[in-house]
Structures are given as structure tokens and as C-alpha cells.
């Protein structure tokens, strides 16, 4: 399979992933979390098998679209489940751990794919994905409970349009959504540009590129773990603003280094700091956004996820505009996304902070009562 065919199947998968969240999230508000999650996991397994045995490119692209659409259920409903169960700092911790794992996956995927490509080929890699989807289904069946009980659903006749209007009219929801989506855009710009920045500009070998990628992944995991611990003592908003300030400095330094043709190894340092900062941004921003729309958490999660992937898809092609010989354009894209995310975090000073405090107060009251 050539590069253009791979790009087509990836594009259809991402389109399905973005659109699927807009459907699965509201369905989980209406019919509970578990049923839509089980159905989406079953369809995801079947679509993954269809991908692995696809006789032609159009069939493979269609199967990837369905796979992304169904697979979106796990992402969007997973966030809604957390919002159902916990609030305040506990939610921030849970979202940080969840999104750290989710953030590492696209970083490690190219490395795993590179290792498997030779021994098993592209069909073997698709069978591997089918196996992972099967494990996901088993996990849903064995571990995930229903967190939106029928008593709540019985008294909730909110339509899709009404739920959407509720989210759209919640001002405190949007600033952290902006922070969340823009920090993901920084990550997607890094991932999209990394092959030609690390190998074409920094001159790393394939092995060196893999090591650099792995170091950044370890840094992201470590930062997420530290952020999850710090949130017990530091407010989520404070963590977000501290981390996004550091990310802005790192990305602006990256721009300055690329513009002045500084030693290439300095680029890697700036990129590392910018990527690691996401460990303290995305989970806390997601928790603050979801705390504003707990009554329609599925719909809120859907818009959050759609914004994330829509912006990520828009950013990815931009990093290649400068060609494969320059790191300046990727640096500018990362810096622009980070600066806009910082601006969104400041807009949320009045709208988001009170909601976060309310959620925190509710969490403390529930803990004291129990």
C-alpha cells in the first residue's frame, strides 16, 4: 500500500472519529452510557475485521470510516462516564490520567507500526488493531458499569437539539474547550512535522528519531502523572495556566531558534518542553469544561472531542507548507496554537473558575457525606 492510500484510509478514519462523537455522546445521554458503548465496541471490532480482509482500497476506506465512527464511542462516552462519577479535583485527576494515555497513543503508534510493518505487513497491522478492538470490547463488558441510571434518563426528555443548545449557551464551557483543542493542535503539529524535523533538519537516523519520539512520550507520561498528583493540592486552573505559560515560552523559543538557524539540537529541547506541558493542560481543561455541562455530559463530551479532532485535522497539513528542509513553519504553527490556548485560558478567568469551584465544593460535600 502506497503513501497516498495510507493517507486516504487515515483521513476517513479521522473523519469517522470526529463525526462519531457527535452521535455517540448525545445517544449516551438518552439511552445510558453502557448500551451505546457496547454497541459501538462491537461495531468497531467488526469494522476492524472488515479492514483486515478488505479486497480493495474503497472497501478498506469505507471500513476505516465505520471503524472511526464506532470507535469514537469509547472516547466520548469514556469522558461522560468520568463526568458522571466524579467532580472537581477528582475529575481533573481522572481526566489527566485518561488523556495522558490517549495522548501517548498517537505518539507511540508510528513507532509500533514501524516495528510491525516488516514482519507482518499492513494486513498484519490491521489484524493487530482488530485484536486491540476485541480487548476493548471485553474491557467494556467486564469492567464498565452503567453510570447514568434509568431513573435519571426517565426524568430527562432532553432532545438532541435541546442538549446542544444547553452546551452552546453555557459560557463557562467554551474557554476550557478552546484550551483543550488548541493544546491538542500543538501535539498534532508536532506529530505531523516530526519526521522531517527530526530526520531532515536535525539529521537523526531512523533509530535516533525513534529514540527522540520515545523520550518525548516518556516525558508526556511523567508530566501527566505529576499533574494528577499535584491537582490534590493545586487548583486545576492554576495548573493549566502554569503549564500553558511554559508551553508558550517553549514554542516561542522554538520559533526563535528556527528563525536564527541555531544549533539543531536546541530544537529538540524546545519541542520536548512544549510536548511535556500538555500533560498538565489537556486533562485539567477537559475536567473544567465537563464540570459546566454535567447534566448533558454526553453532548458536552461530543463537542469537546469534535473540536479536538477538527482542529487537529486542520493544523496537520499546515506544518508541511515550508517544505522538508525547514523547522520554522512547524514552529510557527505550534506557537500560534499555544498562544491562542493561553488567550483562551485567560478568557476563562471569570466563566470557568466559578464552575470549577462549584464542582470542587460539590465533590468535597459528597466526600464528607460518604
Protein backbone atom coordinates (compact mmCIF):
# COMPACT_ATOMS: atom_id res chain seq x y z
CA UNK A 1 0.00 0.00 0.00
CA UNK A 2 1.42 3.36 -1.05
CA UNK A 3 1.65 6.55 0.96
CA UNK A 4 -1.38 8.15 -0.73
CA UNK A 5 -3.53 5.11 0.02
CA UNK A 6 -2.42 5.12 3.65
CA UNK A 7 -3.26 8.83 3.92
CA UNK A 8 -6.73 8.21 2.46
CA UNK A 9 -7.55 5.48 4.97
CA UNK A 10 -6.21 7.63 7.82
CA UNK A 11 -8.31 10.58 6.68
CA UNK A 12 -11.52 8.51 6.50
CA UNK A 13 -10.79 7.09 9.95
CA UNK A 14 -10.31 10.56 11.46
CA UNK A 15 -13.47 11.86 9.77
CA UNK A 16 -15.40 8.95 11.29
CA UNK A 17 -13.79 9.57 14.66
CA UNK A 18 -14.82 13.22 14.68
CA UNK A 19 -18.39 12.68 13.42
CA UNK A 20 -18.98 9.62 15.57
CA UNK A 21 -18.52 11.63 18.73
CA UNK A 22 -21.34 13.97 17.74
CA UNK A 23 -23.69 10.97 17.53
CA UNK A 24 -22.47 8.68 20.33
CA UNK A 25 -22.27 11.36 23.01
CA UNK A 26 -25.89 12.53 22.82
CA UNK A 27 -27.09 8.91 22.47
CA UNK A 28 -25.40 8.13 25.78
CA UNK A 29 -27.32 10.98 27.43
CA UNK A 30 -30.55 9.49 26.13
CA UNK A 31 -30.00 5.73 26.49
CA UNK A 32 -27.35 5.45 29.18
CA UNK A 33 -23.61 5.01 28.88
CA UNK A 34 -23.24 1.24 28.75
CA UNK A 35 -25.57 0.22 25.92
CA UNK A 36 -24.21 2.65 23.30
CA UNK A 37 -20.68 1.85 24.45
CA UNK A 38 -21.17 -1.91 24.00
CA UNK A 39 -22.79 -1.44 20.58
CA UNK A 40 -20.04 0.89 19.41
CA UNK A 41 -17.35 -1.53 20.61
CA UNK A 42 -18.98 -4.47 18.78
CA UNK A 43 -19.25 -2.47 15.54
CA UNK A 44 -15.65 -1.33 15.96
CA UNK A 45 -14.48 -4.96 16.16
CA UNK A 46 -16.50 -5.95 13.08
CA UNK A 47 -15.20 -2.93 11.14
CA UNK A 48 -11.63 -3.75 12.16
CA UNK A 49 -12.01 -7.29 10.81
CA UNK A 50 -13.50 -5.87 7.60
CA UNK A 51 -10.43 -3.64 7.28
CA UNK A 52 -8.07 -6.59 7.67
CA UNK A 53 -9.80 -8.66 4.95
CA UNK A 54 -10.75 -5.77 2.64
CA UNK A 55 -10.30 -6.83 -1.01
CA UNK A 56 -9.88 -3.30 -2.37
CA UNK A 57 -8.97 0.23 -1.35
CA UNK A 58 -12.56 1.59 -1.49
CA UNK A 59 -13.74 -1.19 0.81
CA UNK A 60 -10.84 -0.54 3.17
CA UNK A 61 -11.53 3.21 3.23
CA UNK A 62 -15.23 2.62 3.94
CA UNK A 63 -14.43 0.14 6.69
CA UNK A 64 -11.99 2.59 8.26
CA UNK A 65 -14.70 5.27 8.21
CA UNK A 66 -17.07 2.94 10.09
CA UNK A 67 -14.29 1.89 12.44
CA UNK A 68 -13.56 5.50 13.35
CA UNK A 69 -17.25 6.32 13.74
CA UNK A 70 -17.81 3.38 16.09
CA UNK A 71 -14.50 3.79 17.89
CA UNK A 72 -15.48 7.33 18.78
CA UNK A 73 -17.93 5.85 21.26
CA UNK A 74 -15.14 4.79 23.58
CA UNK A 75 -13.60 8.24 23.63
CA UNK A 76 -16.73 10.34 24.01
CA UNK A 77 -18.59 8.06 26.41
CA UNK A 78 -15.44 7.49 28.47
CA UNK A 79 -15.29 11.21 29.23
CA UNK A 80 -19.01 11.25 30.04
CA UNK A 81 -18.56 8.34 32.47
CA UNK A 82 -15.90 10.27 34.36
CA UNK A 83 -18.17 13.33 34.50
CA UNK A 84 -20.96 11.10 35.89
CA UNK A 85 -18.81 9.66 38.64
CA UNK A 86 -16.58 12.46 39.93
CA UNK A 87 -16.28 16.25 40.02
CA UNK A 88 -13.70 18.89 40.91
CA UNK A 89 -10.17 17.76 41.63
CA UNK A 90 -11.06 14.07 41.41
CA UNK A 91 -12.37 14.66 37.88
CA UNK A 92 -9.25 16.62 36.95
CA UNK A 93 -7.08 13.75 38.14
CA UNK A 94 -9.14 11.14 36.25
CA UNK A 95 -9.20 13.15 33.03
CA UNK A 96 -5.47 13.81 33.26
CA UNK A 97 -4.66 10.11 33.59
CA UNK A 98 -7.10 9.17 30.83
CA UNK A 99 -5.89 11.81 28.39
CA UNK A 100 -2.23 11.16 29.14
CA UNK A 101 -2.72 7.60 27.93
CA UNK A 102 -4.74 8.89 24.97
CA UNK A 103 -2.09 11.47 24.17
CA UNK A 104 0.72 8.95 24.24
CA UNK A 105 -1.08 6.57 21.85
CA UNK A 106 -0.63 8.71 18.69
CA UNK A 107 2.97 9.35 19.70
CA UNK A 108 3.84 5.67 20.06
CA UNK A 109 1.69 4.41 17.16
CA UNK A 110 4.21 5.29 14.41
CA UNK A 111 6.96 3.50 16.33
CA UNK A 112 4.90 0.35 16.85
CA UNK A 113 3.78 0.47 13.23
CA UNK A 114 7.38 0.77 12.07
CA UNK A 115 8.37 -2.29 14.11
CA UNK A 116 5.46 -4.39 12.83
CA UNK A 117 5.49 -3.27 9.20
CA UNK A 118 8.32 -5.57 8.17
CA UNK A 119 7.37 -8.81 9.98
CA UNK A 120 3.58 -8.78 9.49
CA UNK A 121 2.86 -6.28 6.71
CA UNK A 122 -0.03 -3.83 6.57
CA UNK A 123 -2.69 -6.54 6.82
CA UNK A 124 -0.99 -7.93 9.88
CA UNK A 125 -1.06 -4.49 11.47
CA UNK A 126 -4.79 -4.24 10.75
CA UNK A 127 -5.32 -7.63 12.41
CA UNK A 128 -3.39 -6.28 15.39
CA UNK A 129 -5.82 -3.35 15.54
CA UNK A 130 -8.72 -5.83 15.38
CA UNK A 131 -7.20 -7.65 18.35
CA UNK A 132 -6.94 -4.41 20.31
CA UNK A 133 -10.57 -3.59 19.48
CA UNK A 134 -11.56 -7.02 20.80
CA UNK A 135 -9.73 -6.35 24.05
CA UNK A 136 -11.56 -3.02 24.27
CA UNK A 137 -14.91 -4.82 23.88
CA UNK A 138 -14.01 -7.30 26.60
CA UNK A 139 -12.99 -4.45 28.89
CA UNK A 140 -16.32 -2.70 28.34
CA UNK A 141 -18.30 -5.89 29.01
CA UNK A 142 -16.34 -6.86 32.13
CA UNK A 143 -15.44 -3.56 33.78
CA UNK A 144 -17.55 -0.57 32.71
CA UNK A 145 -20.78 -0.12 34.71
CA UNK A 146 -23.83 1.97 33.84
CA UNK A 147 -23.17 5.42 35.30
CA UNK A 148 -26.30 7.17 34.03
CA UNK A 149 -29.08 5.22 35.78
CA UNK A 150 -32.51 4.73 34.27
CA UNK A 151 -34.06 6.93 36.97
CA UNK A 152 -32.12 9.89 35.60
CA UNK A 153 -32.98 9.06 32.00
CA UNK A 154 -36.66 8.59 32.85
CA UNK A 155 -36.88 12.21 34.02
CA UNK A 156 -34.76 13.57 31.19
CA UNK A 157 -36.63 14.17 27.95
CA UNK A 158 -33.95 16.47 26.55
CA UNK A 159 -33.76 16.19 22.78
CA UNK A 160 -30.56 16.30 20.78
CA UNK A 161 -31.25 19.92 19.81
CA UNK A 162 -32.05 20.94 23.38
CA UNK A 163 -28.90 19.29 24.71
CA UNK A 164 -26.86 21.00 22.03
CA UNK A 165 -28.42 24.36 22.88
CA UNK A 166 -27.67 23.80 26.55
CA UNK A 167 -24.00 23.27 25.79
CA UNK A 168 -23.79 26.12 23.29
CA UNK A 169 -25.35 28.54 25.79
CA UNK A 170 -23.00 27.63 28.65
CA UNK A 171 -20.31 30.35 28.51
CA UNK A 172 -18.05 28.71 31.07
CA UNK A 173 -17.77 25.61 28.87
CA UNK A 174 -16.07 27.23 25.90
CA UNK A 175 -12.79 28.66 27.25
CA UNK A 176 -11.51 25.28 28.54
CA UNK A 177 -12.71 23.63 25.30
CA UNK A 178 -10.54 26.13 23.44
CA UNK A 179 -7.58 25.35 25.68
CA UNK A 180 -8.14 21.60 25.24
CA UNK A 181 -8.46 21.69 21.44
CA UNK A 182 -5.56 24.10 20.93
CA UNK A 183 -3.21 22.10 23.13
CA UNK A 184 -4.13 19.03 21.06
CA UNK A 185 -3.35 21.10 17.95
CA UNK A 186 0.15 21.69 19.35
CA UNK A 187 0.52 17.92 19.71
CA UNK A 188 -0.77 17.20 16.19
CA UNK A 189 1.56 19.81 14.70
CA UNK A 190 4.46 18.14 16.50
CA UNK A 191 3.45 14.63 15.37
CA UNK A 192 2.85 15.67 11.75
CA UNK A 193 6.12 17.56 11.44
CA UNK A 194 8.33 15.25 13.47
CA UNK A 195 9.63 13.01 10.62
CA UNK A 196 11.17 15.84 8.59
CA UNK A 197 12.15 17.96 11.60
CA UNK A 198 14.00 15.19 13.42
CA UNK A 199 15.42 13.43 10.37
CA UNK A 200 15.56 16.16 7.71
CA UNK A 201 16.60 19.12 9.89
CA UNK A 202 18.22 17.55 12.95
CA UNK A 203 19.78 14.81 10.82
CA UNK A 204 18.77 11.91 13.08
CA UNK A 205 18.74 8.36 11.77
CA UNK A 206 15.59 6.25 11.89
CA UNK A 207 16.78 4.82 15.21
CA UNK A 208 17.59 8.28 16.58
CA UNK A 209 14.17 9.51 15.50
CA UNK A 210 12.57 6.62 17.36
CA UNK A 211 14.59 7.39 20.48
CA UNK A 212 13.62 11.08 20.38
CA UNK A 213 9.98 10.16 19.92
CA UNK A 214 10.22 7.75 22.84
CA UNK A 215 11.85 10.33 25.12
CA UNK A 216 9.04 12.78 24.40
CA UNK A 217 6.45 10.08 25.10
CA UNK A 218 8.07 9.24 28.45
CA UNK A 219 8.15 12.94 29.30
CA UNK A 220 4.44 13.27 28.49
CA UNK A 221 3.55 10.27 30.65
CA UNK A 222 5.66 11.57 33.52
CA UNK A 223 4.14 15.05 33.29
CA UNK A 224 0.63 13.60 33.30
CA UNK A 225 1.42 11.51 36.37
CA UNK A 226 2.89 14.51 38.20
CA UNK A 227 -0.07 16.71 37.24
CA UNK A 228 -2.51 14.08 38.51
CA UNK A 229 -0.75 14.16 41.90
CA UNK A 230 -0.42 17.94 42.05
CA UNK A 231 -4.13 18.50 41.46
CA UNK A 232 -4.80 17.36 45.02
CA UNK A 233 -3.01 20.49 46.23
CA UNK A 234 -3.18 22.92 43.30
CA UNK A 235 -6.36 24.12 41.58
CA UNK A 236 -6.81 22.78 38.01
CA UNK A 237 -6.98 26.32 36.59
CA UNK A 238 -3.66 27.21 38.21
CA UNK A 239 -2.03 24.10 36.74
CA UNK A 240 -3.43 24.82 33.29
CA UNK A 241 -2.19 28.41 33.28
CA UNK A 242 1.25 27.46 34.58
CA UNK A 243 1.70 24.68 32.02
CA UNK A 244 0.35 26.66 29.09
CA UNK A 245 2.59 29.61 30.00
CA UNK A 246 5.58 27.28 29.91
CA UNK A 247 4.36 25.84 26.60
CA UNK A 248 4.08 29.33 25.08
CA UNK A 249 7.65 30.12 26.14
CA UNK A 250 8.89 26.81 24.70
CA UNK A 251 7.13 27.24 21.35
CA UNK A 252 8.24 30.86 21.01
CA UNK A 253 11.79 29.75 21.79
CA UNK A 254 11.40 27.10 19.08
CA UNK A 255 10.39 29.82 16.59
CA UNK A 256 13.36 31.99 17.56
CA UNK A 257 15.78 29.05 17.30
CA UNK A 258 14.43 28.00 13.90
CA UNK A 259 14.46 31.57 12.57
CA UNK A 260 18.05 32.22 13.64
CA UNK A 261 19.32 28.82 12.49
CA UNK A 262 20.53 27.91 15.98
CA UNK A 263 22.16 24.52 16.59
CA UNK A 264 19.51 21.91 15.62
CA UNK A 265 19.76 20.02 18.93
CA UNK A 266 18.24 23.05 20.64
CA UNK A 267 15.05 22.47 18.62
CA UNK A 268 14.64 19.10 20.30
CA UNK A 269 14.82 20.70 23.75
CA UNK A 270 12.13 23.27 22.91
CA UNK A 271 9.89 20.58 21.36
CA UNK A 272 10.31 18.35 24.42
CA UNK A 273 9.19 21.10 26.80
CA UNK A 274 6.21 22.03 24.59
CA UNK A 275 5.02 18.41 24.35
CA UNK A 276 5.53 17.63 28.04
CA UNK A 277 3.43 20.63 29.06
CA UNK A 278 0.38 19.00 27.51
CA UNK A 279 0.45 16.52 30.37
CA UNK A 280 -0.75 19.26 32.70
CA UNK A 281 -3.08 21.03 30.27
CA UNK A 282 -5.46 18.68 28.49
CA UNK A 283 -6.82 16.66 31.40
CA UNK A 284 -7.46 19.68 33.60
CA UNK A 285 -9.03 21.63 30.72
CA UNK A 286 -11.34 18.69 29.93
CA UNK A 287 -12.38 18.45 33.59
CA UNK A 288 -13.18 22.17 33.74
CA UNK A 289 -15.22 22.01 30.52
CA UNK A 290 -17.18 18.92 31.57
CA UNK A 291 -17.92 20.35 35.02
CA UNK A 292 -20.01 23.02 33.30
CA UNK A 293 -22.32 20.59 31.44
CA UNK A 294 -22.73 17.55 33.71
CA UNK A 295 -26.49 17.33 33.03
CA UNK A 296 -25.74 16.67 29.34
CA UNK A 297 -22.26 15.22 29.74
CA UNK A 298 -22.50 13.07 26.61
CA UNK A 299 -23.30 16.04 24.40
CA UNK A 300 -20.65 18.16 26.11
CA UNK A 301 -18.09 15.40 25.61
CA UNK A 302 -19.11 15.09 21.96
CA UNK A 303 -18.48 18.74 21.19
CA UNK A 304 -15.23 18.66 23.15
CA UNK A 305 -13.96 15.70 21.14
CA UNK A 306 -15.19 17.01 17.80
CA UNK A 307 -13.43 20.34 18.41
CA UNK A 308 -10.26 18.47 19.30
CA UNK A 309 -10.07 16.38 16.11
CA UNK A 310 -11.44 19.03 13.77
CA UNK A 311 -8.74 21.47 14.84
CA UNK A 312 -6.09 18.75 14.82
CA UNK A 313 -7.05 17.79 11.26
CA UNK A 314 -6.91 21.44 10.18
CA UNK A 315 -3.47 22.00 11.71
CA UNK A 316 -1.71 18.88 10.39
CA UNK A 317 -1.40 19.96 6.73
CA UNK A 318 -0.11 23.41 7.68
CA UNK A 319 3.19 22.16 9.06
CA UNK A 320 4.30 20.98 5.63
CA UNK A 321 3.92 24.36 3.91
CA UNK A 322 7.56 25.24 4.48
CA UNK A 323 8.89 22.09 2.83
CA UNK A 324 11.01 19.39 4.39
CA UNK A 325 14.13 21.47 4.88
CA UNK A 326 12.83 23.98 7.44
CA UNK A 327 11.56 23.73 11.00
CA UNK A 328 10.26 27.30 11.03
CA UNK A 329 6.73 26.63 9.76
CA UNK A 330 6.06 23.79 12.26
CA UNK A 331 7.43 26.04 14.99
CA UNK A 332 5.11 28.87 13.96
CA UNK A 333 2.08 26.56 13.90
CA UNK A 334 2.87 25.18 17.36
CA UNK A 335 3.48 28.68 18.73
CA UNK A 336 0.26 30.07 17.23
CA UNK A 337 -1.82 27.24 18.72
CA UNK A 338 -0.14 27.63 22.10
CA UNK A 339 -0.57 31.42 22.22
CA UNK A 340 -4.26 31.09 21.29
CA UNK A 341 -4.65 28.44 24.00
CA UNK A 342 -3.09 30.81 26.52
CA UNK A 343 -5.55 33.52 25.45
CA UNK A 344 -8.45 31.08 25.91
CA UNK A 345 -7.23 30.26 29.42
CA UNK A 346 -7.31 33.94 30.32
CA UNK A 347 -10.79 34.43 28.84
CA UNK A 348 -11.95 31.67 31.16
CA UNK A 349 -10.88 33.54 34.27
CA UNK A 350 -14.42 34.64 35.13
CA UNK A 351 -16.51 31.99 33.42
CA UNK A 352 -14.62 28.79 34.18
CA UNK A 353 -13.16 29.34 37.60
CA UNK A 354 -16.53 29.63 39.40
CA UNK A 355 -17.78 26.46 37.74
CA UNK A 356 -14.64 24.62 38.76
CA UNK A 357 -15.02 25.87 42.31
CA UNK A 358 -18.66 24.77 42.39
CA UNK A 359 -17.72 21.31 41.18
CA UNK A 360 -14.94 21.13 43.71
CA UNK A 361 -17.25 22.21 46.52
CA UNK A 362 -19.78 19.57 45.43
CA UNK A 363 -17.09 16.91 45.40
CA UNK A 364 -15.95 17.88 48.90
CA UNK A 365 -19.52 17.77 50.19
CA UNK A 366 -20.10 14.33 48.70
CA UNK A 367 -16.87 13.05 50.21
CA UNK A 368 -17.76 14.42 53.65
CA UNK A 369 -21.25 12.88 53.44
CA UNK A 370 -19.90 9.47 52.50
